[in-house]
Amino acid sequence: MVWLKFILCFAILLFAGTKLARYGDIVAEKTGLGRLWVGLLPLAFITSMPECTTGVSAVALVGVPDLALGTFLGSCLFNTTILAILDILHRHGPVLNKASTKHMLSAGLGISLIAVAAVGIVAEEWFSGLAVGWMGISSIIIIVLYVVGVRAMFRLERRQELSLPEESAPQYEASSMSMVWLKFALAAVVVIGAGIWLSFIGDEIAETTSWATSFVGSLFLAISTSMPELVVAITALRLGAIDLALGNILGANMLNCAFIFIVDLVYTRGPILTLVSESHVITAVVAITMLILVILGLRFQQRRKTFIVVSWYGLAIIGLYLLGAYALYSSGIGL
């Protein structure tokens, strides 16, 4: 029965996620925000709700900070691996060759946020005097860095747009803006609901199959919560909206780090980063390395794939994901 629920939920998510990506593409054109920003902010927020819900539930209901942080950082790993999947599916050369180099800024901000979290895990106790109530200084730095970084990126983008011509002719002139917003909102509600339901179903599967305390259970939960990003990214790729897909992936990574502030706020027993295993640093280092590869792929765009079906960075990202998964399995903590 639980697997039937999983299939049903995934089917709903597949349908709604496909619609969400399409309406998101229309919103990007109609509002003038562009695919990069619609992917980076509203789409990323919508698709990241399962991770947020799982993280808050882990600390508020179960009282297990490791599960919350493992979900956030594990999702960063899987989200970045989605980029490698897109590269394999993209038949017309390396996928990053078609993406804006402006994504380097969001990838760089993601690296900074993950790095602060990693430093907080190993050194938060050194700054205990700077804590605000039960909250650690690192989680506060993370949320401030996220807000300031996104704002700075947005202002820089707007200044650059004033001196650049329009990228392409309008594709959705016939679409009514009010109807687009309504359909986008409805698709968003269904994606959020299905994504959250899927995360609970994933937890139920882990329980019924005796995976709950194992690496397999943690891995399955991390992948389940990232299903909305996968569906939206693949749909955006099919629409030719690569910037929308990449913005969603990188924006979701940034939000996963920002959610550390929320769970630290909810968990009142002390700074959350001081109460988790240092094995999470492994995940952080692997995630940072993956994002560095994304930046290199954007900076040195190649015309052809290195290995016929996949680019060098796609293969390297998949290898890092497997390496990180094995390292975490060996440490006994899971993703």
Foldseek 3Di string as FASTA:
>chain_A
DLVVLLVVLLVLLLVLLLLLLVLLCVCCQVVVVHLQVSQQPVLLVLLLLLLLVQLLCCCQPVNHLLLSLLLLLLLLLVLLLLLLVLQLVDQQAGLLLLAALLVLLLLVLLLVLLVLLLCCLVCQVVVVVVADQQATPSLVVLLVSLVVSVVVSSVVVVVVVVVDDDPDDDDPPVDDPVVSVVSSVVSSVSNNVSLNVQLVSLCVVCVVVVNNQAQVSSSSSSVSSNSSLSSNLVSCVVVVNNSNSSSNSSSNSSVSSNSLSVSSVSNNPHHSSHVYDSLVSLSSVLSSVLSVLSSVCNVDPDSHAPVSSGHPSSVVSVVSSVVSSVSCNVVSSHD
